[in-house]
Amino acid sequence: MVRYLLRRLVFLLVSLVLASIVLFVLLRMLPGDPANALTSVGASPEQIAAARHAIGSDKPLPEQFTHWIGQLASGDLGTSFVSSLPVGPEVSQRLNVTLPLTLSAFVLAVLVAVPAGFVAAYKKHTWYGALLSGVSQLGIAVPVFWLGMILIAVFALNAGWLPSGGFPQDGWDAPADAIRSLVLPVLTVALVMSASLIRYVRSATLDVLDSEYLRTARALGSSFGRAMWRHGLRNASVPVISVLGIELASTLLGAVVVESVYALPGLGSMLATGIAQHDYPVIQGVLFVSTFGVLVIGFVADLVQRLVDPRLRGRLSGGAR
């Protein structure tokens, strides 16, 4: 167990370092000069050179990278070129919106998709089983921004039940207003995510229903519910856990779309603003935190998968693969 965790932690650290290098290099390959955000239109070459020197973009790339890595090692995400404010506290503040949005949508999607996917598989020959499968296929094809605009039109503009966007200035100090502002974004993400998850749960359940071990358990006298609980649930959950990790990670990374639709001050809108202003520290800070979150999600999903699947438990103790 300890050896396995150490290996995975080393792999996580190496992946994070490699991701940092790729992020730094690709960002410097994008067109545009970050010094332009600090100068007015028609600035002289001397003014542009002074702006580059002020933000350090005139230094060699290895020196810039070493400086950035040194900041990360000390827990500092840098200082914004435009606002001159530390990026770390701003990222923490934006996470107060992005994390509740992502996690709430994920939990809601799982609560909807797991029973719906099971019913779609177990009752595949019934009209409602086929309807669930069809709705999930349709949901995958619906763009998240289009669904968001429909929900705004129905529940905010026409019914007036919920706000169409924005977040209270007091944040979570006004919990009722904060929750109301996240209802539609959470519902938007959850509906899109659950459509995809229903397909995977249905596929995993069908594999279990057609398995020999389930038929053997039934032949030995176990009821369908008992056989599914003791044998089917664990085997069906193994591939679904991997998908859950991917869906959670993609939702975290895709928050920029939902936050743009609902004008939420989360990581997504911060990233979009940083890209528009060529604010390298902001872009690097947001993407680094997002990448770290994705890697941690993958690490946890991999660990849970091995805890659930008895065939992989030997790996937890460092046994042979």
C-alpha atoms as a PDB file:
ATOM      1  CA  MET A   1       0.000   0.000   0.000  1.00  0.00           C
ATOM      2  CA  VAL A   2       2.705   2.458   1.022  1.00  0.00           C
ATOM      3  CA  ARG A   3       4.920   1.573  -1.946  1.00  0.00           C
ATOM      4  CA  TYR A   4       2.060   2.036  -4.349  1.00  0.00           C
ATOM      5  CA  LEU A   5       1.121   5.411  -2.874  1.00  0.00           C
ATOM      6  CA  LEU A   6       4.725   6.578  -3.057  1.00  0.00           C
ATOM      7  CA  ARG A   7       4.963   5.569  -6.711  1.00  0.00           C
ATOM      8  CA  ARG A   8       1.757   7.366  -7.549  1.00  0.00           C
ATOM      9  CA  LEU A   9       2.837  10.478  -5.641  1.00  0.00           C
ATOM     10  CA  VAL A  10       6.149  10.534  -7.532  1.00  0.00           C
ATOM     11  CA  PHE A  11       4.274  10.137 -10.797  1.00  0.00           C
ATOM     12  CA  LEU A  12       1.943  12.966  -9.766  1.00  0.00           C
ATOM     13  CA  LEU A  13       4.894  15.240  -9.012  1.00  0.00           C
ATOM     14  CA  VAL A  14       6.665  14.405 -12.290  1.00  0.00           C
ATOM     15  CA  SER A  15       3.451  14.987 -14.243  1.00  0.00           C
ATOM     16  CA  LEU A  16       3.003  18.357 -12.566  1.00  0.00           C
ATOM     17  CA  VAL A  17       6.563  19.423 -13.447  1.00  0.00           C
ATOM     18  CA  LEU A  18       6.164  18.311 -17.070  1.00  0.00           C
ATOM     19  CA  ALA A  19       2.810  20.090 -17.303  1.00  0.00           C
ATOM     20  CA  SER A  20       4.430  23.264 -15.957  1.00  0.00           C
ATOM     21  CA  ILE A  21       7.116  23.120 -18.633  1.00  0.00           C
ATOM     22  CA  VAL A  22       4.595  22.547 -21.419  1.00  0.00           C
ATOM     23  CA  LEU A  23       2.368  25.313 -20.089  1.00  0.00           C
ATOM     24  CA  PHE A  24       5.234  27.794 -19.933  1.00  0.00           C
ATOM     25  CA  VAL A  25       6.540  26.976 -23.418  1.00  0.00           C
ATOM     26  CA  LEU A  26       3.165  26.966 -25.166  1.00  0.00           C
ATOM     27  CA  LEU A  27       2.169  30.243 -23.545  1.00  0.00           C
ATOM     28  CA  ARG A  28       5.306  31.938 -24.871  1.00  0.00           C
ATOM     29  CA  MET A  29       4.576  30.616 -28.355  1.00  0.00           C
ATOM     30  CA  LEU A  30       1.245  32.439 -28.559  1.00  0.00           C
ATOM     31  CA  PRO A  31       1.172  35.631 -30.646  1.00  0.00           C
ATOM     32  CA  GLY A  32       1.077  38.947 -28.827  1.00  0.00           C
ATOM     33  CA  ASP A  33       3.284  40.860 -26.417  1.00  0.00           C
ATOM     34  CA  PRO A  34       2.239  41.090 -22.742  1.00  0.00           C
ATOM     35  CA  ALA A  35       3.856  44.519 -22.582  1.00  0.00           C
ATOM     36  CA  ASN A  36       1.056  45.852 -24.789  1.00  0.00           C
ATOM     37  CA  ALA A  37      -1.328  45.542 -21.829  1.00  0.00           C
ATOM     38  CA  LEU A  38       0.759  48.128 -19.951  1.00  0.00           C
ATOM     39  CA  THR A  39       1.167  50.635 -22.755  1.00  0.00           C
ATOM     40  CA  SER A  40      -1.282  52.798 -24.637  1.00  0.00           C
ATOM     41  CA  VAL A  41      -1.924  52.722 -28.362  1.00  0.00           C
ATOM     42  CA  GLY A  42       0.928  54.359 -30.265  1.00  0.00           C
ATOM     43  CA  ALA A  43       3.482  53.845 -27.502  1.00  0.00           C
ATOM     44  CA  SER A  44       7.066  54.501 -28.465  1.00  0.00           C
ATOM     45  CA  PRO A  45       9.649  51.697 -28.697  1.00  0.00           C
ATOM     46  CA  GLU A  46      11.269  53.076 -25.536  1.00  0.00           C
ATOM     47  CA  GLN A  47       7.990  52.834 -23.627  1.00  0.00           C
ATOM     48  CA  ILE A  48       7.409  49.282 -24.839  1.00  0.00           C
ATOM     49  CA  ALA A  49      10.959  48.316 -23.871  1.00  0.00           C
ATOM     50  CA  ALA A  50      10.446  49.823 -20.414  1.00  0.00           C
ATOM     51  CA  ALA A  51       7.203  47.856 -20.006  1.00  0.00           C
ATOM     52  CA  ARG A  52       8.945  44.638 -21.012  1.00  0.00           C
ATOM     53  CA  HIS A  53      11.695  45.294 -18.507  1.00  0.00           C
ATOM     54  CA  ALA A  54       9.142  46.034 -15.776  1.00  0.00           C
ATOM     55  CA  ILE A  55       7.390  42.685 -16.228  1.00  0.00           C
ATOM     56  CA  GLY A  56      10.555  40.740 -17.025  1.00  0.00           C
ATOM     57  CA  SER A  57       9.518  39.582 -20.496  1.00  0.00           C
ATOM     58  CA  ASP A  58      12.821  40.898 -21.906  1.00  0.00           C
ATOM     59  CA  LYS A  59      14.777  38.272 -19.951  1.00  0.00           C
ATOM     60  CA  PRO A  60      15.835  34.955 -21.541  1.00  0.00           C
ATOM     61  CA  LEU A  61      13.184  32.249 -21.391  1.00  0.00           C
ATOM     62  CA  PRO A  62      15.250  29.923 -19.146  1.00  0.00           C
ATOM     63  CA  GLU A  63      15.598  32.748 -16.638  1.00  0.00           C
ATOM     64  CA  GLN A  64      11.870  33.493 -16.784  1.00  0.00           C
ATOM     65  CA  PHE A  65      11.050  29.804 -16.288  1.00  0.00           C
ATOM     66  CA  THR A  66      13.458  29.441 -13.370  1.00  0.00           C
ATOM     67  CA  HIS A  67      11.904  32.483 -11.716  1.00  0.00           C
ATOM     68  CA  TRP A  68       8.389  31.086 -12.177  1.00  0.00           C
ATOM     69  CA  ILE A  69       9.300  27.636 -10.837  1.00  0.00           C
ATOM     70  CA  GLY A  70      10.953  29.286  -7.840  1.00  0.00           C
ATOM     71  CA  GLN A  71       7.744  31.179  -7.162  1.00  0.00           C
ATOM     72  CA  LEU A  72       5.667  28.005  -7.416  1.00  0.00           C
ATOM     73  CA  ALA A  73       7.976  26.173  -5.040  1.00  0.00           C
ATOM     74  CA  SER A  74       7.349  28.890  -2.459  1.00  0.00           C
ATOM     75  CA  GLY A  75       3.578  28.812  -3.024  1.00  0.00           C
ATOM     76  CA  ASP A  76       3.534  32.078  -4.978  1.00  0.00           C
ATOM     77  CA  LEU A  77       1.610  32.192  -8.271  1.00  0.00           C
ATOM     78  CA  GLY A  78       3.133  35.531  -9.224  1.00  0.00           C
ATOM     79  CA  THR A  79       1.792  39.044  -9.652  1.00  0.00           C
ATOM     80  CA  SER A  80      -0.584  40.184 -12.377  1.00  0.00           C
ATOM     81  CA  PHE A  81       0.997  42.344 -15.074  1.00  0.00           C
ATOM     82  CA  VAL A  82      -2.177  44.429 -15.408  1.00  0.00           C
ATOM     83  CA  SER A  83      -3.521  44.852 -11.880  1.00  0.00           C
ATOM     84  CA  SER A  84      -0.196  44.396 -10.020  1.00  0.00           C
ATOM     85  CA  LEU A  85      -2.085  42.226  -7.523  1.00  0.00           C
ATOM     86  CA  PRO A  86      -0.973  38.767  -6.333  1.00  0.00           C
ATOM     87  CA  VAL A  87      -2.493  36.000  -8.443  1.00  0.00           C
ATOM     88  CA  GLY A  88      -2.753  33.462  -5.605  1.00  0.00           C
ATOM     89  CA  PRO A  89      -5.341  35.283  -3.465  1.00  0.00           C
ATOM     90  CA  GLU A  90      -7.371  36.089  -6.582  1.00  0.00           C
ATOM     91  CA  VAL A  91      -7.367  32.414  -7.606  1.00  0.00           C
ATOM     92  CA  SER A  92      -8.468  31.421  -4.087  1.00  0.00           C
ATOM     93  CA  GLN A  93     -11.331  33.895  -4.228  1.00  0.00           C
ATOM     94  CA  ARG A  94     -12.422  32.654  -7.647  1.00  0.00           C
ATOM     95  CA  LEU A  95     -12.315  29.053  -6.444  1.00  0.00           C
ATOM     96  CA  ASN A  96     -15.093  29.956  -4.010  1.00  0.00           C
ATOM     97  CA  VAL A  97     -17.339  30.088  -7.065  1.00  0.00           C
ATOM     98  CA  THR A  98     -15.807  27.452  -9.357  1.00  0.00           C
ATOM     99  CA  LEU A  99     -15.468  24.647  -6.800  1.00  0.00           C
ATOM    100  CA  PRO A 100     -19.057  24.780  -5.476  1.00  0.00           C
ATOM    101  CA  LEU A 101     -20.301  24.953  -9.062  1.00  0.00           C
ATOM    102  CA  THR A 102     -18.220  21.984 -10.186  1.00  0.00           C
ATOM    103  CA  LEU A 103     -18.750  19.751  -7.162  1.00  0.00           C
ATOM    104  CA  SER A 104     -22.482  20.442  -6.865  1.00  0.00           C
ATOM    105  CA  ALA A 105     -23.019  19.715 -10.541  1.00  0.00           C
ATOM    106  CA  PHE A 106     -20.959  16.530 -10.247  1.00  0.00           C
ATOM    107  CA  VAL A 107     -22.915  15.215  -7.259  1.00  0.00           C
ATOM    108  CA  LEU A 108     -26.243  16.025  -8.901  1.00  0.00           C
ATOM    109  CA  ALA A 109     -25.181  14.366 -12.151  1.00  0.00           C
ATOM    110  CA  VAL A 110     -24.136  11.185 -10.318  1.00  0.00           C
ATOM    111  CA  LEU A 111     -27.415  11.060  -8.369  1.00  0.00           C
ATOM    112  CA  VAL A 112     -29.332  11.296 -11.644  1.00  0.00           C
ATOM    113  CA  ALA A 113     -27.123   9.192 -13.923  1.00  0.00           C
ATOM    114  CA  VAL A 114     -26.516   6.115 -11.776  1.00  0.00           C
ATOM    115  CA  PRO A 115     -30.180   5.088 -11.263  1.00  0.00           C
ATOM    116  CA  ALA A 116     -31.152   6.273 -14.748  1.00  0.00           C
ATOM    117  CA  GLY A 117     -28.316   4.304 -16.355  1.00  0.00           C
ATOM    118  CA  PHE A 118     -29.229   1.189 -14.405  1.00  0.00           C
ATOM    119  CA  VAL A 119     -32.892   1.443 -15.400  1.00  0.00           C
ATOM    120  CA  ALA A 120     -31.910   2.068 -19.037  1.00  0.00           C
ATOM    121  CA  ALA A 121     -29.933  -1.182 -18.998  1.00  0.00           C
ATOM    122  CA  TYR A 122     -32.206  -3.371 -16.877  1.00  0.00           C
ATOM    123  CA  LYS A 123     -35.347  -2.232 -18.701  1.00  0.00           C
ATOM    124  CA  LYS A 124     -33.786  -1.843 -22.131  1.00  0.00           C
ATOM    125  CA  HIS A 125     -36.721  -3.591 -23.851  1.00  0.00           C
ATOM    126  CA  THR A 126     -39.315  -1.265 -22.317  1.00  0.00           C
ATOM    127  CA  TRP A 127     -40.386   2.089 -23.702  1.00  0.00           C
ATOM    128  CA  TYR A 128     -39.010   4.054 -20.758  1.00  0.00           C
ATOM    129  CA  GLY A 129     -35.683   2.218 -20.946  1.00  0.00           C
ATOM    130  CA  ALA A 130     -35.406   3.156 -24.596  1.00  0.00           C
ATOM    131  CA  LEU A 131     -36.518   6.701 -23.765  1.00  0.00           C
ATOM    132  CA  LEU A 132     -33.731   7.095 -21.194  1.00  0.00           C
ATOM    133  CA  SER A 133     -31.173   5.868 -23.711  1.00  0.00           C
ATOM    134  CA  GLY A 134     -32.494   8.246 -26.353  1.00  0.00           C
ATOM    135  CA  VAL A 135     -32.540  11.224 -24.009  1.00  0.00           C
ATOM    136  CA  SER A 136     -28.943  10.552 -22.971  1.00  0.00           C
ATOM    137  CA  GLN A 137     -27.863  10.408 -26.615  1.00  0.00           C
ATOM    138  CA  LEU A 138     -29.654  13.680 -27.282  1.00  0.00           C
ATOM    139  CA  GLY A 139     -28.156  15.305 -24.197  1.00  0.00           C
ATOM    140  CA  ILE A 140     -24.618  14.569 -25.360  1.00  0.00           C
ATOM    141  CA  ALA A 141     -25.259  16.479 -28.581  1.00  0.00           C
ATOM    142  CA  VAL A 142     -26.569  19.594 -26.812  1.00  0.00           C
ATOM    143  CA  PRO A 143     -23.893  22.312 -26.338  1.00  0.00           C
ATOM    144  CA  VAL A 144     -23.619  23.471 -22.763  1.00  0.00           C
ATOM    145  CA  PHE A 145     -23.896  27.167 -23.655  1.00  0.00           C
ATOM    146  CA  TRP A 146     -27.081  26.534 -25.664  1.00  0.00           C
ATOM    147  CA  LEU A 147     -28.662  24.657 -22.782  1.00  0.00           C
ATOM    148  CA  GLY A 148     -27.627  27.454 -20.437  1.00  0.00           C
ATOM    149  CA  MET A 149     -29.349  30.069 -22.579  1.00  0.00           C
ATOM    150  CA  ILE A 150     -32.525  27.968 -22.721  1.00  0.00           C
ATOM    151  CA  LEU A 151     -32.597  27.615 -18.932  1.00  0.00           C
ATOM    152  CA  ILE A 152     -32.059  31.362 -18.563  1.00  0.00           C
ATOM    153  CA  ALA A 153     -34.934  32.089 -20.944  1.00  0.00           C
ATOM    154  CA  VAL A 154     -37.308  29.664 -19.199  1.00  0.00           C
ATOM    155  CA  PHE A 155     -36.529  30.062 -15.499  1.00  0.00           C
ATOM    156  CA  ALA A 156     -35.055  33.570 -15.314  1.00  0.00           C
ATOM    157  CA  LEU A 157     -36.548  35.720 -18.061  1.00  0.00           C
ATOM    158  CA  ASN A 158     -40.005  34.138 -18.420  1.00  0.00           C
ATOM    159  CA  ALA A 159     -40.727  32.655 -14.994  1.00  0.00           C
ATOM    160  CA  GLY A 160     -38.545  35.041 -12.986  1.00  0.00           C
ATOM    161  CA  TRP A 161     -37.779  32.354 -10.427  1.00  0.00           C
ATOM    162  CA  LEU A 162     -33.992  32.597 -10.519  1.00  0.00           C
ATOM    163  CA  PRO A 163     -31.379  35.213 -11.469  1.00  0.00           C
ATOM    164  CA  SER A 164     -30.114  35.073 -15.037  1.00  0.00           C
ATOM    165  CA  GLY A 165     -26.495  35.466 -13.989  1.00  0.00           C
ATOM    166  CA  GLY A 166     -23.984  37.133 -11.755  1.00  0.00           C
ATOM    167  CA  PHE A 167     -22.900  36.448  -8.190  1.00  0.00           C
ATOM    168  CA  PRO A 168     -23.630  38.509  -5.061  1.00  0.00           C
ATOM    169  CA  GLN A 169     -20.939  41.004  -4.113  1.00  0.00           C
ATOM    170  CA  ASP A 170     -20.957  39.676  -0.561  1.00  0.00           C
ATOM    171  CA  GLY A 171     -20.219  36.184  -1.911  1.00  0.00           C
ATOM    172  CA  TRP A 172     -20.933  33.390   0.533  1.00  0.00           C
ATOM    173  CA  ASP A 173     -21.587  35.908   3.298  1.00  0.00           C
ATOM    174  CA  ALA A 174     -25.021  36.043   1.672  1.00  0.00           C
ATOM    175  CA  PRO A 175     -25.555  32.271   1.327  1.00  0.00           C
ATOM    176  CA  ALA A 176     -29.149  32.379   0.097  1.00  0.00           C
ATOM    177  CA  ASP A 177     -28.308  34.735  -2.771  1.00  0.00           C
ATOM    178  CA  ALA A 178     -25.150  32.782  -3.590  1.00  0.00           C
ATOM    179  CA  ILE A 179     -27.033  29.502  -3.780  1.00  0.00           C
ATOM    180  CA  ARG A 180     -29.777  31.032  -5.949  1.00  0.00           C
ATOM    181  CA  SER A 181     -27.162  32.394  -8.358  1.00  0.00           C
ATOM    182  CA  LEU A 182     -25.620  28.931  -8.765  1.00  0.00           C
ATOM    183  CA  VAL A 183     -28.827  26.945  -9.250  1.00  0.00           C
ATOM    184  CA  LEU A 184     -29.054  27.429 -13.020  1.00  0.00           C
ATOM    185  CA  PRO A 185     -25.300  26.998 -13.680  1.00  0.00           C
ATOM    186  CA  VAL A 186     -25.244  23.805 -11.596  1.00  0.00           C
ATOM    187  CA  LEU A 187     -28.336  22.500 -13.381  1.00  0.00           C
ATOM    188  CA  THR A 188     -26.786  23.289 -16.761  1.00  0.00           C
ATOM    189  CA  VAL A 189     -23.564  21.421 -16.059  1.00  0.00           C
ATOM    190  CA  ALA A 190     -25.333  18.533 -14.309  1.00  0.00           C
ATOM    191  CA  LEU A 191     -27.723  17.894 -17.199  1.00  0.00           C
ATOM    192  CA  VAL A 192     -24.926  17.771 -19.753  1.00  0.00           C
ATOM    193  CA  MET A 193     -22.738  15.616 -17.530  1.00  0.00           C
ATOM    194  CA  SER A 194     -25.513  13.208 -16.561  1.00  0.00           C
ATOM    195  CA  ALA A 195     -26.357  12.583 -20.219  1.00  0.00           C
ATOM    196  CA  SER A 196     -22.844  11.275 -20.778  1.00  0.00           C
ATOM    197  CA  LEU A 197     -22.718   9.340 -17.517  1.00  0.00           C
ATOM    198  CA  ILE A 198     -26.016   7.565 -18.216  1.00  0.00           C
ATOM    199  CA  ARG A 199     -24.457   5.973 -21.297  1.00  0.00           C
ATOM    200  CA  TYR A 200     -21.443   4.701 -19.370  1.00  0.00           C
ATOM    201  CA  VAL A 201     -23.510   3.395 -16.460  1.00  0.00           C
ATOM    202  CA  ARG A 202     -25.867   1.677 -18.889  1.00  0.00           C
ATOM    203  CA  SER A 203     -22.958   0.041 -20.735  1.00  0.00           C
ATOM    204  CA  ALA A 204     -21.301  -1.135 -17.506  1.00  0.00           C
ATOM    205  CA  THR A 205     -24.618  -2.507 -16.205  1.00  0.00           C
ATOM    206  CA  LEU A 206     -25.274  -4.391 -19.442  1.00  0.00           C
ATOM    207  CA  ASP A 207     -21.852  -6.052 -19.139  1.00  0.00           C
ATOM    208  CA  VAL A 208     -22.738  -7.193 -15.631  1.00  0.00           C
ATOM    209  CA  LEU A 209     -26.222  -8.409 -16.568  1.00  0.00           C
ATOM    210  CA  ASP A 210     -24.735 -10.551 -19.335  1.00  0.00           C
ATOM    211  CA  SER A 211     -21.889 -11.906 -17.182  1.00  0.00           C
ATOM    212  CA  GLU A 212     -21.461 -15.524 -16.226  1.00  0.00           C
ATOM    213  CA  TYR A 213     -20.744 -14.796 -12.562  1.00  0.00           C
ATOM    214  CA  LEU A 214     -24.124 -13.095 -12.170  1.00  0.00           C
ATOM    215  CA  ARG A 215     -25.928 -16.021 -13.794  1.00  0.00           C
ATOM    216  CA  THR A 216     -23.987 -18.428 -11.567  1.00  0.00           C
ATOM    217  CA  ALA A 217     -24.966 -16.504  -8.451  1.00  0.00           C
ATOM    218  CA  ARG A 218     -28.608 -16.584  -9.525  1.00  0.00           C
ATOM    219  CA  ALA A 219     -28.364 -20.310 -10.236  1.00  0.00           C
ATOM    220  CA  LEU A 220     -27.013 -20.883  -6.722  1.00  0.00           C
ATOM    221  CA  GLY A 221     -30.138 -19.344  -5.242  1.00  0.00           C
ATOM    222  CA  SER A 222     -29.275 -15.661  -4.816  1.00  0.00           C
ATOM    223  CA  SER A 223     -31.956 -13.152  -5.643  1.00  0.00           C
ATOM    224  CA  PHE A 224     -31.291 -10.635  -8.387  1.00  0.00           C
ATOM    225  CA  GLY A 225     -30.849  -7.799  -5.901  1.00  0.00           C
ATOM    226  CA  ARG A 226     -28.470  -9.789  -3.700  1.00  0.00           C
ATOM    227  CA  ALA A 227     -26.436 -10.985  -6.678  1.00  0.00           C
ATOM    228  CA  MET A 228     -26.149  -7.455  -8.032  1.00  0.00           C
ATOM    229  CA  TRP A 229     -25.146  -6.087  -4.630  1.00  0.00           C
ATOM    230  CA  ARG A 230     -22.510  -8.732  -3.878  1.00  0.00           C
ATOM    231  CA  HIS A 231     -21.087  -9.287  -7.362  1.00  0.00           C
ATOM    232  CA  GLY A 232     -22.453  -6.877  -9.929  1.00  0.00           C
ATOM    233  CA  LEU A 233     -22.089  -3.520  -8.195  1.00  0.00           C
ATOM    234  CA  ARG A 234     -18.361  -3.770  -7.628  1.00  0.00           C
ATOM    235  CA  ASN A 235     -17.580  -4.948 -11.157  1.00  0.00           C
ATOM    236  CA  ALA A 236     -19.820  -2.350 -12.765  1.00  0.00           C
ATOM    237  CA  SER A 237     -18.357   0.477 -10.692  1.00  0.00           C
ATOM    238  CA  VAL A 238     -14.748  -0.062 -11.823  1.00  0.00           C
ATOM    239  CA  PRO A 239     -15.066   1.438 -15.343  1.00  0.00           C
ATOM    240  CA  VAL A 240     -17.573   4.019 -14.113  1.00  0.00           C
ATOM    241  CA  ILE A 241     -15.103   5.355 -11.534  1.00  0.00           C
ATOM    242  CA  SER A 242     -12.606   6.142 -14.285  1.00  0.00           C
ATOM    243  CA  VAL A 243     -15.289   7.945 -16.249  1.00  0.00           C
ATOM    244  CA  LEU A 244     -16.361   9.886 -13.167  1.00  0.00           C
ATOM    245  CA  GLY A 245     -12.811  11.133 -12.718  1.00  0.00           C
ATOM    246  CA  ILE A 246     -12.636  12.235 -16.349  1.00  0.00           C
ATOM    247  CA  GLU A 247     -16.018  13.947 -16.182  1.00  0.00           C
ATOM    248  CA  LEU A 248     -15.123  15.819 -12.997  1.00  0.00           C
ATOM    249  CA  ALA A 249     -11.819  16.963 -14.466  1.00  0.00           C
ATOM    250  CA  SER A 250     -13.407  18.064 -17.739  1.00  0.00           C
ATOM    251  CA  THR A 251     -16.077  19.978 -15.842  1.00  0.00           C
ATOM    252  CA  LEU A 252     -13.425  21.826 -13.861  1.00  0.00           C
ATOM    253  CA  LEU A 253     -11.565  22.728 -17.046  1.00  0.00           C
ATOM    254  CA  GLY A 254     -14.731  23.597 -18.932  1.00  0.00           C
ATOM    255  CA  ALA A 255     -15.995  26.030 -16.320  1.00  0.00           C
ATOM    256  CA  VAL A 256     -14.991  28.917 -18.579  1.00  0.00           C
ATOM    257  CA  VAL A 257     -17.984  28.298 -20.853  1.00  0.00           C
ATOM    258  CA  VAL A 258     -20.607  28.086 -18.105  1.00  0.00           C
ATOM    259  CA  GLU A 259     -19.156  31.002 -16.186  1.00  0.00           C
ATOM    260  CA  SER A 260     -19.213  33.099 -19.342  1.00  0.00           C
ATOM    261  CA  VAL A 261     -22.875  32.280 -19.973  1.00  0.00           C
ATOM    262  CA  TYR A 262     -23.899  33.143 -16.409  1.00  0.00           C
ATOM    263  CA  ALA A 263     -21.346  35.952 -15.822  1.00  0.00           C
ATOM    264  CA  LEU A 264     -19.889  34.181 -12.782  1.00  0.00           C
ATOM    265  CA  PRO A 265     -16.620  35.473 -11.273  1.00  0.00           C
ATOM    266  CA  GLY A 266     -14.887  32.094 -11.248  1.00  0.00           C
ATOM    267  CA  LEU A 267     -11.641  30.686 -12.598  1.00  0.00           C
ATOM    268  CA  GLY A 268     -13.082  30.490 -16.105  1.00  0.00           C
ATOM    269  CA  SER A 269     -13.801  34.196 -16.389  1.00  0.00           C
ATOM    270  CA  MET A 270     -10.438  34.988 -14.785  1.00  0.00           C
ATOM    271  CA  LEU A 271      -8.692  32.882 -17.417  1.00  0.00           C
ATOM    272  CA  ALA A 272     -10.619  34.497 -20.262  1.00  0.00           C
ATOM    273  CA  THR A 273      -9.689  37.972 -19.006  1.00  0.00           C
ATOM    274  CA  GLY A 274      -6.047  36.986 -18.605  1.00  0.00           C
ATOM    275  CA  ILE A 275      -5.894  35.641 -22.153  1.00  0.00           C
ATOM    276  CA  ALA A 276      -7.472  38.797 -23.582  1.00  0.00           C
ATOM    277  CA  GLN A 277      -4.901  40.945 -21.748  1.00  0.00           C
ATOM    278  CA  HIS A 278      -1.910  38.641 -22.345  1.00  0.00           C
ATOM    279  CA  ASP A 279      -1.455  38.576 -18.580  1.00  0.00           C
ATOM    280  CA  TYR A 280       0.987  35.657 -18.302  1.00  0.00           C
ATOM    281  CA  PRO A 281       0.980  35.301 -14.484  1.00  0.00           C
ATOM    282  CA  VAL A 282      -2.826  35.123 -14.420  1.00  0.00           C
ATOM    283  CA  ILE A 283      -2.964  32.586 -17.247  1.00  0.00           C
ATOM    284  CA  GLN A 284      -0.183  30.498 -15.744  1.00  0.00           C
ATOM    285  CA  GLY A 285      -1.710  30.631 -12.266  1.00  0.00           C
ATOM    286  CA  VAL A 286      -5.193  29.564 -13.367  1.00  0.00           C
ATOM    287  CA  LEU A 287      -3.948  26.805 -15.666  1.00  0.00           C
ATOM    288  CA  PHE A 288      -1.472  25.523 -13.084  1.00  0.00           C
ATOM    289  CA  VAL A 289      -4.150  25.280 -10.404  1.00  0.00           C
ATOM    290  CA  SER A 290      -6.541  23.633 -12.884  1.00  0.00           C
ATOM    291  CA  THR A 291      -3.871  21.172 -14.007  1.00  0.00           C
ATOM    292  CA  PHE A 292      -3.035  20.334 -10.407  1.00  0.00           C
ATOM    293  CA  GLY A 293      -6.716  19.717  -9.726  1.00  0.00           C
ATOM    294  CA  VAL A 294      -7.034  17.427 -12.743  1.00  0.00           C
ATOM    295  CA  LEU A 295      -3.973  15.413 -11.727  1.00  0.00           C
ATOM    296  CA  VAL A 296      -5.242  15.040  -8.159  1.00  0.00           C
ATOM    297  CA  ILE A 297      -8.641  13.903  -9.436  1.00  0.00           C
ATOM    298  CA  GLY A 298      -6.939  11.292 -11.596  1.00  0.00           C
ATOM    299  CA  PHE A 299      -4.842  10.151  -8.644  1.00  0.00           C
ATOM    300  CA  VAL A 300      -7.882   9.749  -6.388  1.00  0.00           C
ATOM    301  CA  ALA A 301      -9.903   7.993  -9.110  1.00  0.00           C
ATOM    302  CA  ASP A 302      -7.059   5.549  -9.721  1.00  0.00           C
ATOM    303  CA  LEU A 303      -6.730   4.819  -6.012  1.00  0.00           C
ATOM    304  CA  VAL A 304     -10.473   4.298  -5.527  1.00  0.00           C
ATOM    305  CA  GLN A 305     -10.619   2.049  -8.569  1.00  0.00           C
ATOM    306  CA  ARG A 306      -7.957  -0.228  -7.118  1.00  0.00           C
ATOM    307  CA  LEU A 307      -9.613  -0.291  -3.732  1.00  0.00           C
ATOM    308  CA  VAL A 308     -12.901  -1.361  -5.314  1.00  0.00           C
ATOM    309  CA  ASP A 309     -11.528  -3.911  -7.782  1.00  0.00           C
ATOM    310  CA  PRO A 310     -10.115  -6.981  -5.963  1.00  0.00           C
ATOM    311  CA  ARG A 311      -8.106  -7.898  -9.077  1.00  0.00           C
ATOM    312  CA  LEU A 312      -6.008  -4.769  -8.618  1.00  0.00           C
ATOM    313  CA  ARG A 313      -5.411  -4.993  -4.895  1.00  0.00           C
ATOM    314  CA  GLY A 314      -2.064  -6.652  -5.452  1.00  0.00           C
ATOM    315  CA  ARG A 315      -0.875  -3.392  -6.949  1.00  0.00           C
ATOM    316  CA  LEU A 316      -1.697  -1.541  -3.743  1.00  0.00           C
ATOM    317  CA  SER A 317       0.809  -3.702  -1.884  1.00  0.00           C
ATOM    318  CA  GLY A 318       3.419  -3.288  -4.593  1.00  0.00           C
ATOM    319  CA  GLY A 319       2.826  -6.703  -6.066  1.00  0.00           C
ATOM    320  CA  ALA A 320       3.561  -7.698  -9.637  1.00  0.00           C
ATOM    321  CA  ARG A 321       1.417  -6.243 -12.338  1.00  0.00           C
END
